[in-house]
Amino acid sequence: MAATIIREESFDPADYRGELDAAPHNGDVGTRLWFENEHIRVWEVRLMPGERGPFHAHTRRYFWTVVDGGIGRQRTADGTMITREYHVGDTNYSDHSPDEPMIHDFENAGDTPIRFTTVELLG
């Protein structure tokens, strides 16, 4: 399953300049680290309505799965903003590296809590 795109827009990255400048050094890809060993890191992403996680960098292969669905908004460093509807069980895999990171934020744009589990593959 994949999340459904509701809206694609743009935003002014200058509005988030401080966060974007710090993002390459922000490896906190969730709101809480649940588990870590030499192979994986397991994160929870839990946001209340209107809450936003700051810009951060994905520098490893990882996947996420939706635990509690809702409406999420993601901004990327190039000024793209996409709002999606996420459903329980939606899962996505992404392949990134320190040389080709993915930098984005994540905001709960809905009216219910939203929760994901994100697993970084460290090998």
PDB file of N, CA and C in Angstrom:
ATOM      1  N   MET A   1       0.832  -1.182   0.000  1.00  0.00           N
ATOM      2  CA  MET A   1       0.000   0.000   0.000  1.00  0.00           C
ATOM      3  C   MET A   1       0.877   1.246   0.000  1.00  0.00           C
ATOM      4  N   ALA A   2       0.378   2.278  -0.585  1.00  0.00           N
ATOM      5  CA  ALA A   2       1.106   3.540  -0.622  1.00  0.00           C
ATOM      6  C   ALA A   2       0.176   4.663  -0.190  1.00  0.00           C
ATOM      7  N   ALA A   3       0.747   5.683   0.391  1.00  0.00           N
ATOM      8  CA  ALA A   3      -0.022   6.844   0.802  1.00  0.00           C
ATOM      9  C   ALA A   3      -0.594   7.538  -0.427  1.00  0.00           C
ATOM     10  N   THR A   4      -1.745   8.180  -0.265  1.00  0.00           N
ATOM     11  CA  THR A   4      -2.443   8.862  -1.348  1.00  0.00           C
ATOM     12  C   THR A   4      -2.094  10.347  -1.327  1.00  0.00           C
ATOM     13  N   ILE A   5      -1.591  10.858  -2.439  1.00  0.00           N
ATOM     14  CA  ILE A   5      -1.288  12.288  -2.534  1.00  0.00           C
ATOM     15  C   ILE A   5      -2.597  13.066  -2.612  1.00  0.00           C
ATOM     16  N   ILE A   6      -2.740  14.037  -1.728  1.00  0.00           N
ATOM     17  CA  ILE A   6      -3.917  14.905  -1.714  1.00  0.00           C
ATOM     18  C   ILE A   6      -3.623  16.213  -2.425  1.00  0.00           C
ATOM     19  N   ARG A   7      -2.421  16.759  -2.186  1.00  0.00           N
ATOM     20  CA  ARG A   7      -2.096  18.068  -2.744  1.00  0.00           C
ATOM     21  C   ARG A   7      -0.588  18.205  -2.888  1.00  0.00           C
ATOM     22  N   GLU A   8      -0.169  18.830  -3.982  1.00  0.00           N
ATOM     23  CA  GLU A   8       1.240  19.170  -4.207  1.00  0.00           C
ATOM     24  C   GLU A   8       1.334  20.679  -4.347  1.00  0.00           C
ATOM     25  N   GLU A   9       2.220  21.270  -3.560  1.00  0.00           N
ATOM     26  CA  GLU A   9       2.386  22.717  -3.552  1.00  0.00           C
ATOM     27  C   GLU A   9       3.868  23.047  -3.446  1.00  0.00           C
ATOM     28  N   SER A  10       4.141  24.337  -3.299  1.00  0.00           N
ATOM     29  CA  SER A  10       5.504  24.754  -3.015  1.00  0.00           C
ATOM     30  C   SER A  10       5.481  25.668  -1.799  1.00  0.00           C
ATOM     31  N   PHE A  11       6.654  25.867  -1.209  1.00  0.00           N
ATOM     32  CA  PHE A  11       6.820  26.764  -0.074  1.00  0.00           C
ATOM     33  C   PHE A  11       8.149  27.471  -0.248  1.00  0.00           C
ATOM     34  N   ASP A  12       8.368  28.517   0.522  1.00  0.00           N
ATOM     35  CA  ASP A  12       9.609  29.270   0.449  1.00  0.00           C
ATOM     36  C   ASP A  12      10.607  28.690   1.457  1.00  0.00           C
ATOM     37  N   PRO A  13      11.667  28.009   0.975  1.00  0.00           N
ATOM     38  CA  PRO A  13      12.653  27.434   1.887  1.00  0.00           C
ATOM     39  C   PRO A  13      13.293  28.473   2.821  1.00  0.00           C
ATOM     40  N   ALA A  14      13.292  29.745   2.432  1.00  0.00           N
ATOM     41  CA  ALA A  14      13.865  30.792   3.285  1.00  0.00           C
ATOM     42  C   ALA A  14      13.131  30.870   4.625  1.00  0.00           C
ATOM     43  N   ASP A  15      11.859  30.466   4.660  1.00  0.00           N
ATOM     44  CA  ASP A  15      11.087  30.481   5.897  1.00  0.00           C
ATOM     45  C   ASP A  15      11.624  29.472   6.920  1.00  0.00           C
ATOM     46  N   TYR A  16      12.410  28.509   6.454  1.00  0.00           N
ATOM     47  CA  TYR A  16      12.945  27.440   7.304  1.00  0.00           C
ATOM     48  C   TYR A  16      14.477  27.381   7.233  1.00  0.00           C
ATOM     49  N   ARG A  17      15.107  28.496   6.880  1.00  0.00           N
ATOM     50  CA  ARG A  17      16.544  28.511   6.609  1.00  0.00           C
ATOM     51  C   ARG A  17      17.365  27.921   7.757  1.00  0.00           C
ATOM     52  N   GLY A  18      17.093  28.313   8.984  1.00  0.00           N
ATOM     53  CA  GLY A  18      17.860  27.794  10.120  1.00  0.00           C
ATOM     54  C   GLY A  18      17.769  26.281  10.231  1.00  0.00           C
ATOM     55  N   GLU A  19      16.563  25.737  10.117  1.00  0.00           N
ATOM     56  CA  GLU A  19      16.384  24.282  10.181  1.00  0.00           C
ATOM     57  C   GLU A  19      17.053  23.586   9.005  1.00  0.00           C
ATOM     58  N   LEU A  20      16.911  24.164   7.826  1.00  0.00           N
ATOM     59  CA  LEU A  20      17.514  23.539   6.642  1.00  0.00           C
ATOM     60  C   LEU A  20      19.033  23.543   6.731  1.00  0.00           C
ATOM     61  N   ASP A  21      19.606  24.606   7.278  1.00  0.00           N
ATOM     62  CA  ASP A  21      21.061  24.650   7.436  1.00  0.00           C
ATOM     63  C   ASP A  21      21.538  23.585   8.422  1.00  0.00           C
ATOM     64  N   ALA A  22      20.756  23.327   9.459  1.00  0.00           N
ATOM     65  CA  ALA A  22      21.119  22.341  10.480  1.00  0.00           C
ATOM     66  C   ALA A  22      20.763  20.906  10.076  1.00  0.00           C
ATOM     67  N   ALA A  23      19.856  20.732   9.135  1.00  0.00           N
ATOM     68  CA  ALA A  23      19.311  19.413   8.789  1.00  0.00           C
ATOM     69  C   ALA A  23      20.353  18.363   8.411  1.00  0.00           C
ATOM     70  N   PRO A  24      21.412  18.690   7.661  1.00  0.00           N
ATOM     71  CA  PRO A  24      22.383  17.648   7.319  1.00  0.00           C
ATOM     72  C   PRO A  24      23.037  17.002   8.531  1.00  0.00           C
ATOM     73  N   HIS A  25      22.985  17.669   9.681  1.00  0.00           N
ATOM     74  CA  HIS A  25      23.584  17.140  10.906  1.00  0.00           C
ATOM     75  C   HIS A  25      22.538  16.599  11.880  1.00  0.00           C
ATOM     76  N   ASN A  26      21.268  16.651  11.472  1.00  0.00           N
ATOM     77  CA  ASN A  26      20.181  16.150  12.317  1.00  0.00           C
ATOM     78  C   ASN A  26      19.778  14.763  11.819  1.00  0.00           C
ATOM     79  N   GLY A  27      20.255  13.732  12.496  1.00  0.00           N
ATOM     80  CA  GLY A  27      19.946  12.353  12.122  1.00  0.00           C
ATOM     81  C   GLY A  27      18.795  11.758  12.906  1.00  0.00           C
ATOM     82  N   ASP A  28      18.069  12.577  13.658  1.00  0.00           N
ATOM     83  CA  ASP A  28      16.902  12.088  14.394  1.00  0.00           C
ATOM     84  C   ASP A  28      15.735  11.988  13.417  1.00  0.00           C
ATOM     85  N   VAL A  29      15.503  10.793  12.897  1.00  0.00           N
ATOM     86  CA  VAL A  29      14.482  10.589  11.869  1.00  0.00           C
ATOM     87  C   VAL A  29      13.128  10.225  12.472  1.00  0.00           C
ATOM     88  N   GLY A  30      13.011  10.334  13.775  1.00  0.00           N
ATOM     89  CA  GLY A  30      11.749  10.077  14.456  1.00  0.00           C
ATOM     90  C   GLY A  30      11.657  10.931  15.694  1.00  0.00           C
ATOM     91  N   THR A  31      10.559  10.770  16.413  1.00  0.00           N
ATOM     92  CA  THR A  31      10.367  11.536  17.637  1.00  0.00           C
ATOM     93  C   THR A  31      10.874  10.788  18.867  1.00  0.00           C
ATOM     94  N   ARG A  32      11.086   9.474  18.728  1.00  0.00           N
ATOM     95  CA  ARG A  32      11.606   8.676  19.844  1.00  0.00           C
ATOM     96  C   ARG A  32      12.355   7.458  19.303  1.00  0.00           C
ATOM     97  N   LEU A  33      13.564   7.246  19.799  1.00  0.00           N
ATOM     98  CA  LEU A  33      14.346   6.071  19.429  1.00  0.00           C
ATOM     99  C   LEU A  33      13.972   4.926  20.365  1.00  0.00           C
ATOM    100  N   TRP A  34      13.427   3.846  19.799  1.00  0.00           N
ATOM    101  CA  TRP A  34      12.984   2.704  20.599  1.00  0.00           C
ATOM    102  C   TRP A  34      14.071   1.658  20.792  1.00  0.00           C
ATOM    103  N   PHE A  35      14.900   1.457  19.751  1.00  0.00           N
ATOM    104  CA  PHE A  35      15.865   0.362  19.797  1.00  0.00           C
ATOM    105  C   PHE A  35      17.002   0.671  18.847  1.00  0.00           C
ATOM    106  N   GLU A  36      18.210   0.250  19.237  1.00  0.00           N
ATOM    107  CA  GLU A  36      19.373   0.415  18.363  1.00  0.00           C
ATOM    108  C   GLU A  36      20.374  -0.687  18.663  1.00  0.00           C
ATOM    109  N   ASN A  37      20.925  -1.282  17.604  1.00  0.00           N
ATOM    110  CA  ASN A  37      22.077  -2.172  17.729  1.00  0.00           C
ATOM    111  C   ASN A  37      22.961  -1.932  16.509  1.00  0.00           C
ATOM    112  N   GLU A  38      23.898  -2.812  16.246  1.00  0.00           N
ATOM    113  CA  GLU A  38      24.819  -2.577  15.125  1.00  0.00           C
ATOM    114  C   GLU A  38      24.165  -2.764  13.763  1.00  0.00           C
ATOM    115  N   HIS A  39      22.932  -3.276  13.718  1.00  0.00           N
ATOM    116  CA  HIS A  39      22.258  -3.566  12.452  1.00  0.00           C
ATOM    117  C   HIS A  39      21.123  -2.603  12.107  1.00  0.00           C
ATOM    118  N   ILE A  40      20.361  -2.166  13.125  1.00  0.00           N
ATOM    119  CA  ILE A  40      19.172  -1.346  12.868  1.00  0.00           C
ATOM    120  C   ILE A  40      18.980  -0.294  13.960  1.00  0.00           C
ATOM    121  N   ARG A  41      18.190   0.723  13.616  1.00  0.00           N
ATOM    122  CA  ARG A  41      17.628   1.672  14.580  1.00  0.00           C
ATOM    123  C   ARG A  41      16.123   1.684  14.335  1.00  0.00           C
ATOM    124  N   VAL A  42      15.347   1.554  15.403  1.00  0.00           N
ATOM    125  CA  VAL A  42      13.891   1.571  15.295  1.00  0.00           C
ATOM    126  C   VAL A  42      13.380   2.846  15.962  1.00  0.00           C
ATOM    127  N   TRP A  43      12.686   3.666  15.170  1.00  0.00           N
ATOM    128  CA  TRP A  43      12.170   4.952  15.628  1.00  0.00           C
ATOM    129  C   TRP A  43      10.644   4.936  15.633  1.00  0.00           C
ATOM    130  N   GLU A  44      10.080   5.710  16.536  1.00  0.00           N
ATOM    131  CA  GLU A  44       8.664   6.047  16.475  1.00  0.00           C
ATOM    132  C   GLU A  44       8.570   7.477  15.962  1.00  0.00           C
ATOM    133  N   VAL A  45       7.610   7.721  15.082  1.00  0.00           N
ATOM    134  CA  VAL A  45       7.244   9.072  14.676  1.00  0.00           C
ATOM    135  C   VAL A  45       5.811   9.258  15.162  1.00  0.00           C
ATOM    136  N   ARG A  46       5.626  10.118  16.154  1.00  0.00           N
ATOM    137  CA  ARG A  46       4.287  10.350  16.719  1.00  0.00           C
ATOM    138  C   ARG A  46       4.077  11.858  16.779  1.00  0.00           C
ATOM    139  N   LEU A  47       3.076  12.342  16.058  1.00  0.00           N
ATOM    140  CA  LEU A  47       2.776  13.770  16.024  1.00  0.00           C
ATOM    141  C   LEU A  47       1.288  13.994  16.279  1.00  0.00           C
ATOM    142  N   MET A  48       1.005  14.934  17.122  1.00  0.00           N
ATOM    143  CA  MET A  48      -0.364  15.346  17.390  1.00  0.00           C
ATOM    144  C   MET A  48      -0.812  16.300  16.280  1.00  0.00           C
ATOM    145  N   PRO A  49      -2.122  16.526  16.124  1.00  0.00           N
ATOM    146  CA  PRO A  49      -2.598  17.462  15.094  1.00  0.00           C
ATOM    147  C   PRO A  49      -1.892  18.814  15.197  1.00  0.00           C
ATOM    148  N   GLY A  50      -1.387  19.287  14.066  1.00  0.00           N
ATOM    149  CA  GLY A  50      -0.690  20.567  14.003  1.00  0.00           C
ATOM    150  C   GLY A  50       0.775  20.515  14.397  1.00  0.00           C
ATOM    151  N   GLU A  51       1.231  19.403  14.945  1.00  0.00           N
ATOM    152  CA  GLU A  51       2.627  19.278  15.364  1.00  0.00           C
ATOM    153  C   GLU A  51       3.509  18.962  14.151  1.00  0.00           C
ATOM    154  N   ARG A  52       4.745  19.473  14.192  1.00  0.00           N
ATOM    155  CA  ARG A  52       5.669  19.281  13.070  1.00  0.00           C
ATOM    156  C   ARG A  52       7.021  18.847  13.591  1.00  0.00           C
ATOM    157  N   GLY A  53       7.583  17.826  12.953  1.00  0.00           N
ATOM    158  CA  GLY A  53       8.952  17.421  13.223  1.00  0.00           C
ATOM    159  C   GLY A  53       9.878  18.231  12.342  1.00  0.00           C
ATOM    160  N   PRO A  54      11.050  18.645  12.847  1.00  0.00           N
ATOM    161  CA  PRO A  54      11.945  19.521  12.094  1.00  0.00           C
ATOM    162  C   PRO A  54      12.595  18.818  10.901  1.00  0.00           C
ATOM    163  N   PHE A  55      13.189  19.631  10.043  1.00  0.00           N
ATOM    164  CA  PHE A  55      13.958  19.092   8.928  1.00  0.00           C
ATOM    165  C   PHE A  55      15.083  18.228   9.476  1.00  0.00           C
ATOM    166  N   HIS A  56      15.298  17.101   8.825  1.00  0.00           N
ATOM    167  CA  HIS A  56      16.327  16.148   9.229  1.00  0.00           C
ATOM    168  C   HIS A  56      16.829  15.431   7.978  1.00  0.00           C
ATOM    169  N   ALA A  57      17.901  14.667   8.139  1.00  0.00           N
ATOM    170  CA  ALA A  57      18.525  13.992   6.990  1.00  0.00           C
ATOM    171  C   ALA A  57      18.435  12.480   7.140  1.00  0.00           C
ATOM    172  N   HIS A  58      17.966  11.838   6.088  1.00  0.00           N
ATOM    173  CA  HIS A  58      18.033  10.380   5.985  1.00  0.00           C
ATOM    174  C   HIS A  58      19.310  10.058   5.200  1.00  0.00           C
ATOM    175  N   THR A  59      20.239   9.372   5.864  1.00  0.00           N
ATOM    176  CA  THR A  59      21.527   9.069   5.240  1.00  0.00           C
ATOM    177  C   THR A  59      21.766   7.562   5.138  1.00  0.00           C
ATOM    178  N   ARG A  60      20.706   6.793   5.331  1.00  0.00           N
ATOM    179  CA  ARG A  60      20.800   5.322   5.294  1.00  0.00           C
ATOM    180  C   ARG A  60      19.567   4.761   4.599  1.00  0.00           C
ATOM    181  N   ARG A  61      19.664   3.497   4.243  1.00  0.00           N
ATOM    182  CA  ARG A  61      18.484   2.789   3.761  1.00  0.00           C
ATOM    183  C   ARG A  61      17.518   2.675   4.930  1.00  0.00           C
ATOM    184  N   TYR A  62      16.220   2.827   4.649  1.00  0.00           N
ATOM    185  CA  TYR A  62      15.243   2.729   5.731  1.00  0.00           C
ATOM    186  C   TYR A  62      13.867   2.414   5.165  1.00  0.00           C
ATOM    187  N   PHE A  63      12.976   1.997   6.057  1.00  0.00           N
ATOM    188  CA  PHE A  63      11.577   1.879   5.681  1.00  0.00           C
ATOM    189  C   PHE A  63      10.715   2.366   6.824  1.00  0.00           C
ATOM    190  N   TRP A  64       9.498   2.772   6.477  1.00  0.00           N
ATOM    191  CA  TRP A  64       8.522   3.173   7.487  1.00  0.00           C
ATOM    192  C   TRP A  64       7.219   2.444   7.222  1.00  0.00           C
ATOM    193  N   THR A  65       6.461   2.268   8.309  1.00  0.00           N
ATOM    194  CA  THR A  65       5.124   1.675   8.241  1.00  0.00           C
ATOM    195  C   THR A  65       4.195   2.521   9.104  1.00  0.00           C
ATOM    196  N   VAL A  66       2.998   2.796   8.583  1.00  0.00           N
ATOM    197  CA  VAL A  66       2.011   3.586   9.316  1.00  0.00           C
ATOM    198  C   VAL A  66       1.334   2.709  10.360  1.00  0.00           C
ATOM    199  N   VAL A  67       1.344   3.175  11.603  1.00  0.00           N
ATOM    200  CA  VAL A  67       0.674   2.492  12.711  1.00  0.00           C
ATOM    201  C   VAL A  67      -0.699   3.126  12.962  1.00  0.00           C
ATOM    202  N   ASP A  68      -0.752   4.466  12.998  1.00  0.00           N
ATOM    203  CA  ASP A  68      -2.002   5.218  13.109  1.00  0.00           C
ATOM    204  C   ASP A  68      -2.025   6.226  11.973  1.00  0.00           C
ATOM    205  N   GLY A  69      -2.957   6.063  11.063  1.00  0.00           N
ATOM    206  CA  GLY A  69      -3.012   6.888   9.863  1.00  0.00           C
ATOM    207  C   GLY A  69      -3.528   8.295  10.117  1.00  0.00           C
ATOM    208  N   GLY A  70      -3.464   9.092   9.063  1.00  0.00           N
ATOM    209  CA  GLY A  70      -3.935  10.465   9.124  1.00  0.00           C
ATOM    210  C   GLY A  70      -3.442  11.246   7.920  1.00  0.00           C
ATOM    211  N   ILE A  71      -3.438  12.549   8.053  1.00  0.00           N
ATOM    212  CA  ILE A  71      -3.000  13.449   6.989  1.00  0.00           C
ATOM    213  C   ILE A  71      -1.632  14.013   7.376  1.00  0.00           C
ATOM    214  N   GLY A  72      -0.646  13.799   6.521  1.00  0.00           N
ATOM    215  CA  GLY A  72       0.700  14.284   6.771  1.00  0.00           C
ATOM    216  C   GLY A  72       1.172  15.204   5.663  1.00  0.00           C
ATOM    217  N   ARG A  73       1.984  16.167   6.025  1.00  0.00           N
ATOM    218  CA  ARG A  73       2.558  17.114   5.057  1.00  0.00           C
ATOM    219  C   ARG A  73       4.069  17.059   5.182  1.00  0.00           C
ATOM    220  N   GLN A  74       4.728  16.921   4.031  1.00  0.00           N
ATOM    221  CA  GLN A  74       6.190  16.838   3.991  1.00  0.00           C
ATOM    222  C   GLN A  74       6.740  17.933   3.095  1.00  0.00           C
ATOM    223  N   ARG A  75       7.731  18.642   3.613  1.00  0.00           N
ATOM    224  CA  ARG A  75       8.446  19.647   2.831  1.00  0.00           C
ATOM    225  C   ARG A  75       9.850  19.122   2.561  1.00  0.00           C
ATOM    226  N   THR A  76      10.362  19.363   1.365  1.00  0.00           N
ATOM    227  CA  THR A  76      11.728  18.993   1.043  1.00  0.00           C
ATOM    228  C   THR A  76      12.535  20.261   0.767  1.00  0.00           C
ATOM    229  N   ALA A  77      13.844  20.116   0.799  1.00  0.00           N
ATOM    230  CA  ALA A  77      14.747  21.267   0.724  1.00  0.00           C
ATOM    231  C   ALA A  77      14.605  22.058  -0.571  1.00  0.00           C
ATOM    232  N   ASP A  78      14.050  21.450  -1.621  1.00  0.00           N
ATOM    233  CA  ASP A  78      13.913  22.147  -2.903  1.00  0.00           C
ATOM    234  C   ASP A  78      12.666  23.027  -2.988  1.00  0.00           C
ATOM    235  N   GLY A  79      11.879  23.100  -1.896  1.00  0.00           N
ATOM    236  CA  GLY A  79      10.685  23.942  -1.896  1.00  0.00           C
ATOM    237  C   GLY A  79       9.404  23.201  -2.249  1.00  0.00           C
ATOM    238  N   THR A  80       9.473  21.891  -2.381  1.00  0.00           N
ATOM    239  CA  THR A  80       8.288  21.084  -2.663  1.00  0.00           C
ATOM    240  C   THR A  80       7.576  20.743  -1.353  1.00  0.00           C
ATOM    241  N   MET A  81       6.249  20.808  -1.385  1.00  0.00           N
ATOM    242  CA  MET A  81       5.439  20.424  -0.228  1.00  0.00           C
ATOM    243  C   MET A  81       4.321  19.505  -0.713  1.00  0.00           C
ATOM    244  N   ILE A  82       4.255  18.301  -0.134  1.00  0.00           N
ATOM    245  CA  ILE A  82       3.257  17.310  -0.536  1.00  0.00           C
ATOM    246  C   ILE A  82       2.451  16.903   0.683  1.00  0.00           C
ATOM    247  N   THR A  83       1.134  16.929   0.544  1.00  0.00           N
ATOM    248  CA  THR A  83       0.223  16.478   1.590  1.00  0.00           C
ATOM    249  C   THR A  83      -0.352  15.142   1.144  1.00  0.00           C
ATOM    250  N   ARG A  84      -0.300  14.160   2.054  1.00  0.00           N
ATOM    251  CA  ARG A  84      -0.755  12.806   1.732  1.00  0.00           C
ATOM    252  C   ARG A  84      -1.704  12.303   2.809  1.00  0.00           C
ATOM    253  N   GLU A  85      -2.560  11.369   2.411  1.00  0.00           N
ATOM    254  CA  GLU A  85      -3.372  10.632   3.363  1.00  0.00           C
ATOM    255  C   GLU A  85      -2.704   9.283   3.591  1.00  0.00           C
ATOM    256  N   TYR A  86      -2.417   8.986   4.853  1.00  0.00           N
ATOM    257  CA  TYR A  86      -1.732   7.750   5.229  1.00  0.00           C
ATOM    258  C   TYR A  86      -2.724   6.814   5.905  1.00  0.00           C
ATOM    259  N   HIS A  87      -2.645   5.530   5.537  1.00  0.00           N
ATOM    260  CA  HIS A  87      -3.525   4.512   6.095  1.00  0.00           C
ATOM    261  C   HIS A  87      -2.699   3.479   6.857  1.00  0.00           C
ATOM    262  N   VAL A  88      -3.307   2.884   7.877  1.00  0.00           N
ATOM    263  CA  VAL A  88      -2.635   1.838   8.649  1.00  0.00           C
ATOM    264  C   VAL A  88      -2.085   0.782   7.688  1.00  0.00           C
ATOM    265  N   GLY A  89      -0.816   0.469   7.860  1.00  0.00           N
ATOM    266  CA  GLY A  89      -0.163  -0.544   7.028  1.00  0.00           C
ATOM    267  C   GLY A  89       0.578   0.008   5.831  1.00  0.00           C
ATOM    268  N   ASP A  90       0.317   1.255   5.430  1.00  0.00           N
ATOM    269  CA  ASP A  90       1.101   1.842   4.337  1.00  0.00           C
ATOM    270  C   ASP A  90       2.571   1.721   4.715  1.00  0.00           C
ATOM    271  N   THR A  91       3.385   1.298   3.761  1.00  0.00           N
ATOM    272  CA  THR A  91       4.811   1.068   3.999  1.00  0.00           C
ATOM    273  C   THR A  91       5.602   1.577   2.800  1.00  0.00           C
ATOM    274  N   ASN A  92       6.775   2.134   3.070  1.00  0.00           N
ATOM    275  CA  ASN A  92       7.629   2.636   1.999  1.00  0.00           C
ATOM    276  C   ASN A  92       9.094   2.367   2.343  1.00  0.00           C
ATOM    277  N   TYR A  93       9.872   2.002   1.336  1.00  0.00           N
ATOM    278  CA  TYR A  93      11.314   1.778   1.475  1.00  0.00           C
ATOM    279  C   TYR A  93      12.036   2.865   0.682  1.00  0.00           C
ATOM    280  N   SER A  94      13.115   3.417   1.263  1.00  0.00           N
ATOM    281  CA  SER A  94      13.931   4.424   0.573  1.00  0.00           C
ATOM    282  C   SER A  94      15.400   4.091   0.768  1.00  0.00           C
ATOM    283  N   ASP A  95      16.184   4.380  -0.246  1.00  0.00           N
ATOM    284  CA  ASP A  95      17.610   4.077  -0.238  1.00  0.00           C
ATOM    285  C   ASP A  95      18.387   5.388  -0.318  1.00  0.00           C
ATOM    286  N   HIS A  96      19.018   5.777   0.784  1.00  0.00           N
ATOM    287  CA  HIS A  96      19.782   7.022   0.836  1.00  0.00           C
ATOM    288  C   HIS A  96      21.150   6.739   1.438  1.00  0.00           C
ATOM    289  N   SER A  97      22.048   7.715   1.303  1.00  0.00           N
ATOM    290  CA  SER A  97      23.410   7.572   1.809  1.00  0.00           C
ATOM    291  C   SER A  97      23.900   8.950   2.254  1.00  0.00           C
ATOM    292  N   PRO A  98      25.030   9.003   2.956  1.00  0.00           N
ATOM    293  CA  PRO A  98      25.585  10.317   3.307  1.00  0.00           C
ATOM    294  C   PRO A  98      25.883  11.172   2.078  1.00  0.00           C
ATOM    295  N   ASP A  99      26.207  10.527   0.968  1.00  0.00           N
ATOM    296  CA  ASP A  99      26.479  11.272  -0.263  1.00  0.00           C
ATOM    297  C   ASP A  99      25.206  11.726  -0.975  1.00  0.00           C
ATOM    298  N   GLU A 100      24.112  11.020  -0.755  1.00  0.00           N
ATOM    299  CA  GLU A 100      22.821  11.351  -1.370  1.00  0.00           C
ATOM    300  C   GLU A 100      21.716  11.282  -0.312  1.00  0.00           C
ATOM    301  N   PRO A 101      21.728  12.234   0.632  1.00  0.00           N
ATOM    302  CA  PRO A 101      20.727  12.206   1.700  1.00  0.00           C
ATOM    303  C   PRO A 101      19.368  12.709   1.213  1.00  0.00           C
ATOM    304  N   MET A 102      18.344  12.362   1.955  1.00  0.00           N
ATOM    305  CA  MET A 102      17.024  12.952   1.744  1.00  0.00           C
ATOM    306  C   MET A 102      16.751  13.857   2.941  1.00  0.00           C
ATOM    307  N   ILE A 103      16.484  15.127   2.659  1.00  0.00           N
ATOM    308  CA  ILE A 103      16.227  16.094   3.714  1.00  0.00           C
ATOM    309  C   ILE A 103      14.773  16.536   3.616  1.00  0.00           C
ATOM    310  N   HIS A 104      14.059  16.401   4.728  1.00  0.00           N
ATOM    311  CA  HIS A 104      12.649  16.797   4.750  1.00  0.00           C
ATOM    312  C   HIS A 104      12.187  17.008   6.187  1.00  0.00           C
ATOM    313  N   ASP A 105      11.006  17.590   6.328  1.00  0.00           N
ATOM    314  CA  ASP A 105      10.330  17.667   7.618  1.00  0.00           C
ATOM    315  C   ASP A 105       9.069  16.820   7.517  1.00  0.00           C
ATOM    316  N   PHE A 106       8.273  16.784   8.580  1.00  0.00           N
ATOM    317  CA  PHE A 106       6.993  16.076   8.534  1.00  0.00           C
ATOM    318  C   PHE A 106       6.051  16.726   9.526  1.00  0.00           C
ATOM    319  N   GLU A 107       4.851  17.031   9.056  1.00  0.00           N
ATOM    320  CA  GLU A 107       3.854  17.730   9.861  1.00  0.00           C
ATOM    321  C   GLU A 107       2.552  16.946   9.861  1.00  0.00           C
ATOM    322  N   ASN A 108       1.898  16.891  10.997  1.00  0.00           N
ATOM    323  CA  ASN A 108       0.568  16.301  11.080  1.00  0.00           C
ATOM    324  C   ASN A 108      -0.415  17.388  10.658  1.00  0.00           C
ATOM    325  N   ALA A 109      -0.959  17.257   9.458  1.00  0.00           N
ATOM    326  CA  ALA A 109      -1.878  18.247   8.910  1.00  0.00           C
ATOM    327  C   ALA A 109      -3.333  17.831   9.098  1.00  0.00           C
ATOM    328  N   GLY A 110      -3.550  16.773   9.870  1.00  0.00           N
ATOM    329  CA  GLY A 110      -4.904  16.284  10.098  1.00  0.00           C
ATOM    330  C   GLY A 110      -5.423  16.667  11.467  1.00  0.00           C
ATOM    331  N   ASP A 111      -6.515  15.995  11.855  1.00  0.00           N
ATOM    332  CA  ASP A 111      -7.143  16.304  13.139  1.00  0.00           C
ATOM    333  C   ASP A 111      -7.109  15.130  14.115  1.00  0.00           C
ATOM    334  N   THR A 112      -6.270  14.129  13.823  1.00  0.00           N
ATOM    335  CA  THR A 112      -6.061  12.991  14.729  1.00  0.00           C
ATOM    336  C   THR A 112      -4.558  12.754  14.858  1.00  0.00           C
ATOM    337  N   PRO A 113      -4.113  12.125  15.949  1.00  0.00           N
ATOM    338  CA  PRO A 113      -2.684  11.798  16.062  1.00  0.00           C
ATOM    339  C   PRO A 113      -2.257  10.892  14.896  1.00  0.00           C
ATOM    340  N   ILE A 114      -1.012  11.031  14.483  1.00  0.00           N
ATOM    341  CA  ILE A 114      -0.452  10.196  13.412  1.00  0.00           C
ATOM    342  C   ILE A 114       0.795   9.513  13.978  1.00  0.00           C
ATOM    343  N   ARG A 115       0.984   8.235  13.605  1.00  0.00           N
ATOM    344  CA  ARG A 115       2.119   7.489  14.164  1.00  0.00           C
ATOM    345  C   ARG A 115       2.673   6.527  13.124  1.00  0.00           C
ATOM    346  N   PHE A 116       4.000   6.523  13.009  1.00  0.00           N
ATOM    347  CA  PHE A 116       4.731   5.649  12.114  1.00  0.00           C
ATOM    348  C   PHE A 116       5.786   4.900  12.930  1.00  0.00           C
ATOM    349  N   THR A 117       6.246   3.794  12.401  1.00  0.00           N
ATOM    350  CA  THR A 117       7.480   3.160  12.854  1.00  0.00           C
ATOM    351  C   THR A 117       8.453   3.258  11.687  1.00  0.00           C
ATOM    352  N   THR A 118       9.655   3.772  11.960  1.00  0.00           N
ATOM    353  CA  THR A 118      10.699   3.907  10.943  1.00  0.00           C
ATOM    354  C   THR A 118      11.895   3.073  11.372  1.00  0.00           C
ATOM    355  N   VAL A 119      12.410   2.267  10.447  1.00  0.00           N
ATOM    356  CA  VAL A 119      13.548   1.403  10.733  1.00  0.00           C
ATOM    357  C   VAL A 119      14.690   1.765   9.798  1.00  0.00           C
ATOM    358  N   GLU A 120      15.805   2.199  10.388  1.00  0.00           N
ATOM    359  CA  GLU A 120      17.009   2.483   9.612  1.00  0.00           C
ATOM    360  C   GLU A 120      17.866   1.207   9.566  1.00  0.00           C
ATOM    361  N   LEU A 121      18.370   0.884   8.385  1.00  0.00           N
ATOM    362  CA  LEU A 121      19.224  -0.292   8.194  1.00  0.00           C
ATOM    363  C   LEU A 121      20.667   0.188   8.223  1.00  0.00           C
ATOM    364  N   LEU A 122      21.434  -0.246   9.213  1.00  0.00           N
ATOM    365  CA  LEU A 122      22.760   0.316   9.451  1.00  0.00           C
ATOM    366  C   LEU A 122      23.881  -0.407   8.716  1.00  0.00           C
ATOM    367  N   GLY A 123      23.611  -1.574   8.185  1.00  0.00           N
ATOM    368  CA  GLY A 123      24.669  -2.356   7.536  1.00  0.00           C
ATOM    369  C   GLY A 123      25.116  -1.824   6.214  1.00  0.00           C
TER     370      GLY A 123
END
